[in-house]
Amino acid sequence: MDASNTAINATTPGPHPSGPVDITVTNSDGNSATLPASDPSGFSYAAVTNIGQTLIVPGVNSASGATAQASVVFLDSTKLVVVTVFWPTGGGTLASLTITGGTFQPPLKTDLWSGYNVHTFYAENVPPSPNVAVMAMLSSPTTPSPWSMCVTVYDNVNASNPMYAPNSLNSASTTTITS
């Protein structure tokens, strides 16, 4: 329970099939209450059955800025593509992030970690292609500090469930999961 008695921190058990589940809370005197799976404010697992590909590519600095590029291949079905870009806090701003055949949503999460900006984005239903190009551009070089982009492609994502990102202890005083 948090200090304001408005949130409960919990750990879910290991892997679980996608879909809504009952949530039961039992207090110290043995009384309990259950939020049924049918309640729209309840909890749903968003199971991902396969991580198709993960690439971590270094950023390349130039006089006019910095660029990181990755190319992924998937030919069978649409995918969820999650991209995290991390660069030194003194290295300008993220000027653009693009993907062939898709559109990145506003940042799922932005954070600071050990002197680095960390921004995570996602693009849903990216169509199959022999060359899905992902490119991040920074507004200025990060020399001499390195920077990188991590691209992960997911199969079998249940798009009807919302995306969640946990808060970092560096930017928030709680580990409560937020949407």
N, C-alpha and C. Protein backbone atom coordinates (compact mmCIF):
# COMPACT_ATOMS: atom_id res chain seq x y z
N MET A 1 0.86 -1.17 0.00
CA MET A 1 0.00 0.00 0.00
C MET A 1 0.90 1.22 0.00
N ASP A 2 0.54 2.24 -0.78
CA ASP A 2 1.33 3.46 -0.79
C ASP A 2 0.94 4.34 0.41
N ALA A 3 1.69 5.42 0.59
CA ALA A 3 1.51 6.29 1.76
C ALA A 3 0.12 6.92 1.80
N SER A 4 -0.51 7.15 0.65
CA SER A 4 -1.82 7.78 0.63
C SER A 4 -2.97 6.77 0.66
N ASN A 5 -2.62 5.47 0.78
CA ASN A 5 -3.61 4.40 0.80
C ASN A 5 -4.50 4.39 -0.44
N THR A 6 -3.93 4.75 -1.59
CA THR A 6 -4.71 4.78 -2.83
C THR A 6 -4.19 3.80 -3.88
N ALA A 7 -3.05 3.17 -3.64
CA ALA A 7 -2.49 2.24 -4.62
C ALA A 7 -1.83 1.08 -3.90
N ILE A 8 -1.89 -0.07 -4.53
CA ILE A 8 -1.25 -1.27 -4.00
C ILE A 8 -0.20 -1.70 -5.01
N ASN A 9 1.02 -1.91 -4.55
CA ASN A 9 2.06 -2.44 -5.41
C ASN A 9 2.00 -3.95 -5.33
N ALA A 10 2.06 -4.60 -6.49
CA ALA A 10 1.96 -6.05 -6.52
C ALA A 10 2.88 -6.61 -7.59
N THR A 11 3.25 -7.85 -7.43
CA THR A 11 4.03 -8.57 -8.43
C THR A 11 3.16 -9.68 -8.97
N THR A 12 3.05 -9.73 -10.29
CA THR A 12 2.24 -10.78 -10.91
C THR A 12 3.07 -12.06 -10.98
N PRO A 13 2.39 -13.20 -10.96
CA PRO A 13 3.13 -14.46 -11.12
C PRO A 13 3.69 -14.54 -12.53
N GLY A 14 4.53 -15.49 -12.80
CA GLY A 14 5.20 -15.66 -14.09
C GLY A 14 4.30 -15.54 -15.30
N PRO A 15 4.69 -16.12 -16.42
CA PRO A 15 3.93 -15.99 -17.67
C PRO A 15 2.46 -16.38 -17.49
N HIS A 16 1.61 -15.68 -18.24
CA HIS A 16 0.17 -15.88 -18.12
C HIS A 16 -0.47 -15.63 -19.48
N PRO A 17 -1.50 -16.37 -19.84
CA PRO A 17 -2.18 -16.10 -21.11
C PRO A 17 -2.76 -14.69 -21.15
N SER A 18 -2.88 -14.13 -22.33
CA SER A 18 -3.45 -12.81 -22.52
C SER A 18 -4.91 -12.79 -22.08
N GLY A 19 -5.32 -11.67 -21.45
CA GLY A 19 -6.72 -11.49 -21.11
C GLY A 19 -6.94 -11.00 -19.69
N PRO A 20 -8.19 -10.64 -19.36
CA PRO A 20 -8.51 -10.12 -18.03
C PRO A 20 -8.50 -11.22 -16.97
N VAL A 21 -8.19 -10.81 -15.73
CA VAL A 21 -8.15 -11.75 -14.60
C VAL A 21 -8.79 -11.10 -13.37
N ASP A 22 -9.31 -11.93 -12.48
CA ASP A 22 -9.80 -11.44 -11.18
C ASP A 22 -8.60 -11.00 -10.36
N ILE A 23 -8.78 -9.94 -9.57
CA ILE A 23 -7.76 -9.48 -8.63
C ILE A 23 -8.36 -9.55 -7.24
N THR A 24 -7.72 -10.31 -6.35
CA THR A 24 -8.18 -10.43 -4.97
C THR A 24 -7.14 -9.83 -4.04
N VAL A 25 -7.61 -8.97 -3.15
CA VAL A 25 -6.74 -8.34 -2.15
C VAL A 25 -7.21 -8.80 -0.78
N THR A 26 -6.27 -9.29 0.02
CA THR A 26 -6.57 -9.73 1.38
C THR A 26 -5.78 -8.87 2.34
N ASN A 27 -6.46 -8.26 3.31
CA ASN A 27 -5.73 -7.41 4.26
C ASN A 27 -5.26 -8.26 5.45
N SER A 28 -4.56 -7.61 6.37
CA SER A 28 -3.90 -8.32 7.47
C SER A 28 -4.88 -9.03 8.43
N ASP A 29 -6.17 -8.61 8.49
CA ASP A 29 -7.11 -9.30 9.37
C ASP A 29 -7.87 -10.42 8.66
N GLY A 30 -7.48 -10.73 7.43
CA GLY A 30 -8.07 -11.83 6.70
C GLY A 30 -9.26 -11.46 5.82
N ASN A 31 -9.76 -10.23 5.91
CA ASN A 31 -10.86 -9.81 5.03
C ASN A 31 -10.32 -9.62 3.62
N SER A 32 -11.15 -9.95 2.63
CA SER A 32 -10.69 -9.81 1.25
C SER A 32 -11.81 -9.27 0.37
N ALA A 33 -11.40 -8.76 -0.78
CA ALA A 33 -12.34 -8.29 -1.79
C ALA A 33 -11.76 -8.65 -3.15
N THR A 34 -12.65 -8.89 -4.11
CA THR A 34 -12.22 -9.27 -5.44
C THR A 34 -12.77 -8.31 -6.48
N LEU A 35 -11.90 -7.83 -7.33
CA LEU A 35 -12.30 -7.05 -8.50
C LEU A 35 -12.41 -8.06 -9.64
N PRO A 36 -13.61 -8.28 -10.17
CA PRO A 36 -13.77 -9.34 -11.17
C PRO A 36 -13.12 -8.97 -12.51
N ALA A 37 -12.75 -9.99 -13.25
CA ALA A 37 -12.14 -9.80 -14.57
C ALA A 37 -13.06 -9.02 -15.49
N SER A 38 -14.37 -9.10 -15.27
CA SER A 38 -15.33 -8.42 -16.14
C SER A 38 -15.39 -6.91 -15.89
N ASP A 39 -14.80 -6.41 -14.80
CA ASP A 39 -14.82 -4.98 -14.49
C ASP A 39 -13.88 -4.25 -15.45
N PRO A 40 -14.35 -3.20 -16.16
CA PRO A 40 -13.50 -2.50 -17.12
C PRO A 40 -12.27 -1.83 -16.49
N SER A 41 -12.29 -1.57 -15.20
CA SER A 41 -11.13 -0.96 -14.55
C SER A 41 -10.17 -2.02 -14.00
N GLY A 42 -10.44 -3.28 -14.29
CA GLY A 42 -9.63 -4.38 -13.78
C GLY A 42 -8.30 -4.54 -14.49
N PHE A 43 -7.65 -5.65 -14.23
CA PHE A 43 -6.32 -5.93 -14.76
C PHE A 43 -6.40 -6.95 -15.89
N SER A 44 -5.63 -6.70 -16.96
CA SER A 44 -5.53 -7.63 -18.08
C SER A 44 -4.07 -7.90 -18.38
N TYR A 45 -3.75 -9.15 -18.63
CA TYR A 45 -2.43 -9.51 -19.11
C TYR A 45 -2.39 -9.26 -20.61
N ALA A 46 -1.30 -8.71 -21.07
CA ALA A 46 -1.07 -8.54 -22.50
C ALA A 46 0.11 -9.42 -22.84
N ALA A 47 -0.16 -10.68 -23.12
CA ALA A 47 0.90 -11.65 -23.36
C ALA A 47 1.50 -11.46 -24.74
N VAL A 48 2.81 -11.50 -24.79
CA VAL A 48 3.56 -11.47 -26.04
C VAL A 48 4.21 -12.83 -26.16
N THR A 49 3.90 -13.54 -27.22
CA THR A 49 4.37 -14.92 -27.32
C THR A 49 5.74 -15.05 -27.95
N ASN A 50 6.25 -14.01 -28.59
CA ASN A 50 7.55 -14.15 -29.23
C ASN A 50 8.17 -12.79 -29.47
N ILE A 51 9.43 -12.68 -29.12
CA ILE A 51 10.21 -11.52 -29.52
C ILE A 51 10.89 -11.94 -30.81
N GLY A 52 10.52 -11.30 -31.90
CA GLY A 52 11.04 -11.68 -33.20
C GLY A 52 12.50 -11.30 -33.39
N GLN A 53 12.87 -10.07 -33.07
CA GLN A 53 14.23 -9.60 -33.28
C GLN A 53 14.52 -8.48 -32.28
N THR A 54 15.76 -8.39 -31.87
CA THR A 54 16.22 -7.25 -31.09
C THR A 54 17.58 -6.82 -31.64
N LEU A 55 17.70 -5.55 -31.93
CA LEU A 55 18.96 -4.98 -32.43
C LEU A 55 19.34 -3.80 -31.56
N ILE A 56 20.58 -3.70 -31.21
CA ILE A 56 21.11 -2.50 -30.55
C ILE A 56 22.16 -1.93 -31.48
N VAL A 57 21.92 -0.71 -31.95
CA VAL A 57 22.84 -0.09 -32.91
C VAL A 57 23.41 1.19 -32.32
N PRO A 58 24.70 1.43 -32.58
CA PRO A 58 25.31 2.66 -32.08
C PRO A 58 24.90 3.86 -32.93
N GLY A 59 24.85 5.01 -32.29
CA GLY A 59 24.62 6.25 -33.02
C GLY A 59 25.93 6.72 -33.63
N VAL A 60 25.83 7.41 -34.75
CA VAL A 60 27.00 7.95 -35.45
C VAL A 60 26.92 9.47 -35.39
N ASN A 61 27.97 10.10 -34.87
CA ASN A 61 28.01 11.55 -34.74
C ASN A 61 28.59 12.18 -36.00
N SER A 62 28.04 13.34 -36.37
CA SER A 62 28.59 14.14 -37.46
C SER A 62 28.53 15.60 -37.02
N ALA A 63 29.09 16.48 -37.83
CA ALA A 63 29.10 17.90 -37.47
C ALA A 63 27.70 18.47 -37.35
N SER A 64 26.75 17.94 -38.11
CA SER A 64 25.40 18.50 -38.11
C SER A 64 24.44 17.81 -37.16
N GLY A 65 24.86 16.74 -36.52
CA GLY A 65 23.95 16.03 -35.62
C GLY A 65 24.41 14.60 -35.41
N ALA A 66 23.48 13.72 -35.21
CA ALA A 66 23.82 12.32 -34.96
C ALA A 66 22.67 11.45 -35.45
N THR A 67 23.01 10.27 -35.99
CA THR A 67 22.01 9.37 -36.57
C THR A 67 22.29 7.94 -36.15
N ALA A 68 21.23 7.18 -35.87
CA ALA A 68 21.33 5.73 -35.65
C ALA A 68 20.32 5.10 -36.59
N GLN A 69 20.73 4.04 -37.31
CA GLN A 69 19.85 3.37 -38.25
C GLN A 69 19.88 1.87 -38.04
N ALA A 70 18.71 1.24 -38.15
CA ALA A 70 18.60 -0.22 -38.05
C ALA A 70 17.66 -0.68 -39.15
N SER A 71 17.89 -1.88 -39.63
CA SER A 71 17.01 -2.48 -40.62
C SER A 71 16.58 -3.85 -40.12
N VAL A 72 15.27 -4.09 -40.06
CA VAL A 72 14.74 -5.37 -39.62
C VAL A 72 13.90 -5.97 -40.74
N VAL A 73 13.81 -7.29 -40.76
CA VAL A 73 13.08 -8.01 -41.79
C VAL A 73 12.01 -8.86 -41.14
N PHE A 74 10.79 -8.74 -41.60
CA PHE A 74 9.73 -9.67 -41.23
C PHE A 74 8.75 -9.72 -42.38
N LEU A 75 8.43 -10.93 -42.79
CA LEU A 75 7.63 -11.13 -43.99
C LEU A 75 6.29 -11.79 -43.74
N ASP A 76 6.00 -12.21 -42.50
CA ASP A 76 4.82 -13.03 -42.26
C ASP A 76 3.58 -12.29 -41.79
N SER A 77 3.70 -11.27 -40.96
CA SER A 77 2.53 -10.58 -40.41
C SER A 77 2.93 -9.22 -39.87
N THR A 78 1.93 -8.40 -39.52
CA THR A 78 2.24 -7.10 -38.92
C THR A 78 2.87 -7.32 -37.55
N LYS A 79 3.64 -6.34 -37.09
CA LYS A 79 4.38 -6.46 -35.84
C LYS A 79 4.22 -5.20 -35.00
N LEU A 80 4.55 -5.35 -33.73
CA LEU A 80 4.73 -4.24 -32.81
C LEU A 80 6.23 -3.98 -32.76
N VAL A 81 6.65 -2.75 -33.01
CA VAL A 81 8.06 -2.39 -32.96
C VAL A 81 8.25 -1.39 -31.82
N VAL A 82 9.10 -1.75 -30.87
CA VAL A 82 9.40 -0.89 -29.72
C VAL A 82 10.83 -0.41 -29.87
N VAL A 83 11.03 0.90 -29.74
CA VAL A 83 12.36 1.49 -29.90
C VAL A 83 12.69 2.32 -28.66
N THR A 84 13.86 2.08 -28.11
CA THR A 84 14.37 2.90 -27.02
C THR A 84 15.65 3.58 -27.51
N VAL A 85 15.68 4.90 -27.37
CA VAL A 85 16.85 5.69 -27.76
C VAL A 85 17.44 6.25 -26.48
N PHE A 86 18.76 6.07 -26.28
CA PHE A 86 19.41 6.62 -25.09
C PHE A 86 20.66 7.35 -25.50
N TRP A 87 20.77 8.61 -24.98
CA TRP A 87 21.89 9.48 -25.34
C TRP A 87 22.22 10.38 -24.15
N PRO A 88 23.47 10.88 -24.10
CA PRO A 88 23.89 11.72 -22.97
C PRO A 88 23.01 12.96 -22.84
N THR A 89 22.78 13.39 -21.61
CA THR A 89 21.91 14.54 -21.38
C THR A 89 22.44 15.81 -22.04
N GLY A 90 23.74 15.90 -22.29
CA GLY A 90 24.31 17.08 -22.96
C GLY A 90 24.31 16.95 -24.46
N GLY A 91 23.67 15.94 -25.02
CA GLY A 91 23.74 15.67 -26.45
C GLY A 91 22.57 16.15 -27.27
N GLY A 92 21.96 17.24 -26.91
CA GLY A 92 20.86 17.75 -27.70
C GLY A 92 19.55 17.04 -27.43
N THR A 93 18.67 17.09 -28.41
CA THR A 93 17.34 16.49 -28.27
C THR A 93 17.12 15.45 -29.38
N LEU A 94 16.13 14.61 -29.19
CA LEU A 94 15.75 13.66 -30.22
C LEU A 94 14.97 14.44 -31.27
N ALA A 95 15.59 14.66 -32.44
CA ALA A 95 14.99 15.48 -33.49
C ALA A 95 13.93 14.73 -34.27
N SER A 96 14.17 13.42 -34.52
CA SER A 96 13.17 12.64 -35.25
C SER A 96 13.38 11.15 -35.02
N LEU A 97 12.30 10.40 -35.19
CA LEU A 97 12.32 8.94 -35.11
C LEU A 97 11.34 8.45 -36.16
N THR A 98 11.83 7.67 -37.13
CA THR A 98 10.97 7.22 -38.23
C THR A 98 11.08 5.71 -38.41
N ILE A 99 10.03 5.13 -39.04
CA ILE A 99 10.00 3.71 -39.36
C ILE A 99 9.27 3.53 -40.69
N THR A 100 9.81 2.67 -41.54
CA THR A 100 9.19 2.37 -42.81
C THR A 100 7.83 1.69 -42.59
N GLY A 101 6.77 2.26 -43.16
CA GLY A 101 5.46 1.63 -43.11
C GLY A 101 4.69 1.82 -41.82
N GLY A 102 5.21 2.63 -40.91
CA GLY A 102 4.52 2.81 -39.63
C GLY A 102 4.73 4.20 -39.07
N THR A 103 4.10 4.43 -37.93
CA THR A 103 4.22 5.71 -37.24
C THR A 103 4.44 5.44 -35.77
N PHE A 104 5.47 6.08 -35.21
CA PHE A 104 5.70 5.94 -33.77
C PHE A 104 4.72 6.81 -33.02
N GLN A 105 4.18 6.26 -31.93
CA GLN A 105 3.29 7.00 -31.05
C GLN A 105 4.14 7.92 -30.18
N PRO A 106 3.53 8.93 -29.55
CA PRO A 106 4.30 9.76 -28.61
C PRO A 106 5.02 8.86 -27.61
N PRO A 107 6.07 9.36 -26.99
CA PRO A 107 6.86 8.48 -26.11
C PRO A 107 6.00 7.73 -25.09
N LEU A 108 6.23 6.42 -25.04
CA LEU A 108 5.61 5.59 -24.02
C LEU A 108 6.20 5.96 -22.66
N LYS A 109 7.48 6.28 -22.66
CA LYS A 109 8.18 6.63 -21.42
C LYS A 109 9.39 7.47 -21.77
N THR A 110 9.63 8.53 -21.00
CA THR A 110 10.87 9.29 -21.06
C THR A 110 11.46 9.30 -19.66
N ASP A 111 12.78 9.23 -19.59
CA ASP A 111 13.40 9.14 -18.28
C ASP A 111 14.84 9.62 -18.35
N LEU A 112 15.44 9.82 -17.20
CA LEU A 112 16.87 10.09 -17.07
C LEU A 112 17.47 8.93 -16.30
N TRP A 113 18.64 8.47 -16.76
CA TRP A 113 19.30 7.34 -16.10
C TRP A 113 20.80 7.51 -16.23
N SER A 114 21.48 7.69 -15.12
CA SER A 114 22.95 7.78 -15.07
C SER A 114 23.51 8.75 -16.10
N GLY A 115 22.91 9.93 -16.22
CA GLY A 115 23.39 10.95 -17.13
C GLY A 115 22.94 10.77 -18.58
N TYR A 116 21.99 9.87 -18.80
CA TYR A 116 21.48 9.64 -20.15
C TYR A 116 19.98 9.91 -20.22
N ASN A 117 19.54 10.46 -21.34
CA ASN A 117 18.12 10.53 -21.67
C ASN A 117 17.73 9.15 -22.17
N VAL A 118 16.58 8.67 -21.77
CA VAL A 118 16.07 7.37 -22.23
C VAL A 118 14.62 7.59 -22.65
N HIS A 119 14.35 7.41 -23.95
CA HIS A 119 13.01 7.60 -24.48
C HIS A 119 12.57 6.32 -25.18
N THR A 120 11.36 5.83 -24.87
CA THR A 120 10.84 4.60 -25.46
C THR A 120 9.56 4.90 -26.23
N PHE A 121 9.50 4.40 -27.46
CA PHE A 121 8.38 4.62 -28.38
C PHE A 121 7.90 3.27 -28.91
N TYR A 122 6.70 3.25 -29.49
CA TYR A 122 6.24 2.04 -30.16
C TYR A 122 5.44 2.40 -31.40
N ALA A 123 5.48 1.48 -32.38
CA ALA A 123 4.66 1.57 -33.59
C ALA A 123 3.92 0.25 -33.71
N GLU A 124 2.60 0.30 -33.78
CA GLU A 124 1.79 -0.91 -33.89
C GLU A 124 1.48 -1.22 -35.34
N ASN A 125 1.24 -2.50 -35.61
CA ASN A 125 0.78 -2.97 -36.91
C ASN A 125 1.68 -2.53 -38.06
N VAL A 126 2.99 -2.61 -37.85
CA VAL A 126 3.94 -2.30 -38.91
C VAL A 126 3.86 -3.44 -39.93
N PRO A 127 3.62 -3.11 -41.23
CA PRO A 127 3.42 -4.17 -42.22
C PRO A 127 4.70 -4.93 -42.55
N PRO A 128 4.54 -6.19 -42.99
CA PRO A 128 5.70 -7.00 -43.37
C PRO A 128 6.49 -6.35 -44.51
N SER A 129 7.81 -6.53 -44.47
CA SER A 129 8.67 -5.97 -45.50
C SER A 129 10.05 -6.61 -45.40
N PRO A 130 10.76 -6.71 -46.53
CA PRO A 130 12.13 -7.21 -46.46
C PRO A 130 13.11 -6.17 -45.92
N ASN A 131 12.65 -4.92 -45.75
CA ASN A 131 13.53 -3.88 -45.22
C ASN A 131 12.72 -2.83 -44.47
N VAL A 132 12.50 -3.06 -43.19
CA VAL A 132 11.84 -2.06 -42.35
C VAL A 132 12.96 -1.24 -41.70
N ALA A 133 13.08 0.00 -42.15
CA ALA A 133 14.16 0.86 -41.66
C ALA A 133 13.67 1.71 -40.49
N VAL A 134 14.47 1.74 -39.44
CA VAL A 134 14.20 2.58 -38.26
C VAL A 134 15.36 3.56 -38.14
N MET A 135 15.05 4.85 -38.01
CA MET A 135 16.12 5.84 -37.92
C MET A 135 15.80 6.87 -36.83
N ALA A 136 16.80 7.12 -35.97
CA ALA A 136 16.71 8.16 -34.95
C ALA A 136 17.74 9.23 -35.27
N MET A 137 17.35 10.49 -35.12
CA MET A 137 18.28 11.60 -35.34
C MET A 137 18.27 12.51 -34.13
N LEU A 138 19.48 12.86 -33.67
CA LEU A 138 19.62 13.82 -32.58
C LEU A 138 19.92 15.20 -33.17
N SER A 139 19.57 16.26 -32.45
CA SER A 139 19.76 17.62 -32.95
C SER A 139 21.22 18.05 -32.95
N SER A 140 22.07 17.37 -32.18
CA SER A 140 23.49 17.72 -32.16
C SER A 140 24.30 16.48 -31.79
N PRO A 141 25.60 16.47 -32.14
CA PRO A 141 26.43 15.31 -31.83
C PRO A 141 26.58 15.11 -30.32
N THR A 142 26.92 13.89 -29.92
CA THR A 142 27.12 13.56 -28.51
C THR A 142 28.59 13.33 -28.20
N THR A 143 29.48 13.70 -29.11
CA THR A 143 30.91 13.46 -28.96
C THR A 143 31.42 14.03 -27.65
N PRO A 144 32.25 13.33 -26.89
CA PRO A 144 32.77 12.01 -27.20
C PRO A 144 31.90 10.87 -26.66
N SER A 145 30.79 11.21 -26.05
CA SER A 145 29.97 10.18 -25.41
C SER A 145 29.20 9.36 -26.44
N PRO A 146 29.15 8.03 -26.25
CA PRO A 146 28.39 7.20 -27.18
C PRO A 146 26.89 7.29 -26.91
N TRP A 147 26.12 6.93 -27.91
CA TRP A 147 24.68 6.82 -27.76
C TRP A 147 24.20 5.66 -28.61
N SER A 148 22.98 5.16 -28.32
CA SER A 148 22.50 3.97 -29.00
C SER A 148 20.99 3.98 -29.16
N MET A 149 20.53 3.05 -30.00
CA MET A 149 19.11 2.82 -30.22
C MET A 149 18.88 1.31 -30.15
N CYS A 150 17.87 0.91 -29.40
CA CYS A 150 17.49 -0.50 -29.29
C CYS A 150 16.15 -0.68 -29.99
N VAL A 151 16.09 -1.61 -30.95
CA VAL A 151 14.87 -1.88 -31.71
C VAL A 151 14.46 -3.32 -31.42
N THR A 152 13.22 -3.51 -30.96
CA THR A 152 12.71 -4.85 -30.69
C THR A 152 11.40 -5.04 -31.45
N VAL A 153 11.29 -6.18 -32.14
CA VAL A 153 10.11 -6.52 -32.93
C VAL A 153 9.38 -7.65 -32.22
N TYR A 154 8.07 -7.47 -31.99
CA TYR A 154 7.27 -8.45 -31.27
C TYR A 154 6.21 -9.06 -32.17
N ASP A 155 5.99 -10.37 -32.02
CA ASP A 155 4.93 -11.11 -32.68
C ASP A 155 3.74 -11.25 -31.74
N ASN A 156 2.58 -11.53 -32.30
CA ASN A 156 1.39 -11.96 -31.56
C ASN A 156 1.01 -11.05 -30.41
N VAL A 157 1.03 -9.76 -30.65
CA VAL A 157 0.68 -8.80 -29.61
C VAL A 157 -0.82 -8.56 -29.66
N ASN A 158 -1.45 -8.58 -28.50
CA ASN A 158 -2.87 -8.31 -28.39
C ASN A 158 -3.05 -6.79 -28.33
N ALA A 159 -3.38 -6.18 -29.46
CA ALA A 159 -3.46 -4.73 -29.55
C ALA A 159 -4.63 -4.14 -28.77
N SER A 160 -5.57 -4.97 -28.33
CA SER A 160 -6.71 -4.45 -27.57
C SER A 160 -6.35 -4.15 -26.12
N ASN A 161 -5.18 -4.60 -25.65
CA ASN A 161 -4.74 -4.31 -24.29
C ASN A 161 -3.80 -3.11 -24.30
N PRO A 162 -3.87 -2.23 -23.30
CA PRO A 162 -3.03 -1.04 -23.29
C PRO A 162 -1.57 -1.38 -23.03
N MET A 163 -0.70 -0.46 -23.42
CA MET A 163 0.74 -0.58 -23.16
C MET A 163 1.03 0.06 -21.81
N TYR A 164 1.94 -0.52 -21.05
CA TYR A 164 2.32 0.01 -19.75
C TYR A 164 3.83 0.19 -19.67
N ALA A 165 4.28 1.14 -18.88
CA ALA A 165 5.71 1.34 -18.65
C ALA A 165 5.90 1.63 -17.17
N PRO A 166 6.77 0.88 -16.48
CA PRO A 166 6.99 1.15 -15.06
C PRO A 166 7.78 2.44 -14.88
N ASN A 167 7.49 3.13 -13.80
CA ASN A 167 8.26 4.33 -13.46
C ASN A 167 9.65 3.95 -13.01
N SER A 168 10.61 4.79 -13.33
CA SER A 168 11.98 4.58 -12.87
C SER A 168 12.14 5.19 -11.49
N LEU A 169 12.98 4.59 -10.69
CA LEU A 169 13.25 5.17 -9.37
C LEU A 169 14.03 6.47 -9.49
N ASN A 170 14.62 6.74 -10.66
CA ASN A 170 15.36 7.98 -10.86
C ASN A 170 14.44 9.18 -11.06
N SER A 171 13.21 8.94 -11.53
CA SER A 171 12.34 10.07 -11.84
C SER A 171 11.06 10.08 -11.05
N ALA A 172 10.83 9.06 -10.24
CA ALA A 172 9.59 8.99 -9.46
C ALA A 172 9.89 8.31 -8.14
N SER A 173 9.04 8.53 -7.19
CA SER A 173 9.27 7.97 -5.86
C SER A 173 8.55 6.66 -5.67
N THR A 174 8.06 6.06 -6.75
CA THR A 174 7.33 4.81 -6.63
C THR A 174 7.64 3.89 -7.79
N THR A 175 7.39 2.62 -7.62
CA THR A 175 7.52 1.67 -8.73
C THR A 175 6.16 1.23 -9.22
N THR A 176 5.13 2.00 -8.89
CA THR A 176 3.77 1.69 -9.34
C THR A 176 3.71 1.70 -10.85
N ILE A 177 3.06 0.73 -11.46
CA ILE A 177 2.93 0.70 -12.90
C ILE A 177 1.90 1.73 -13.31
N THR A 178 2.24 2.54 -14.32
CA THR A 178 1.35 3.57 -14.80
C THR A 178 1.13 3.39 -16.30
N SER A 179 0.06 3.96 -16.80
CA SER A 179 -0.18 3.89 -18.25
C SER A 179 -0.05 5.26 -18.85
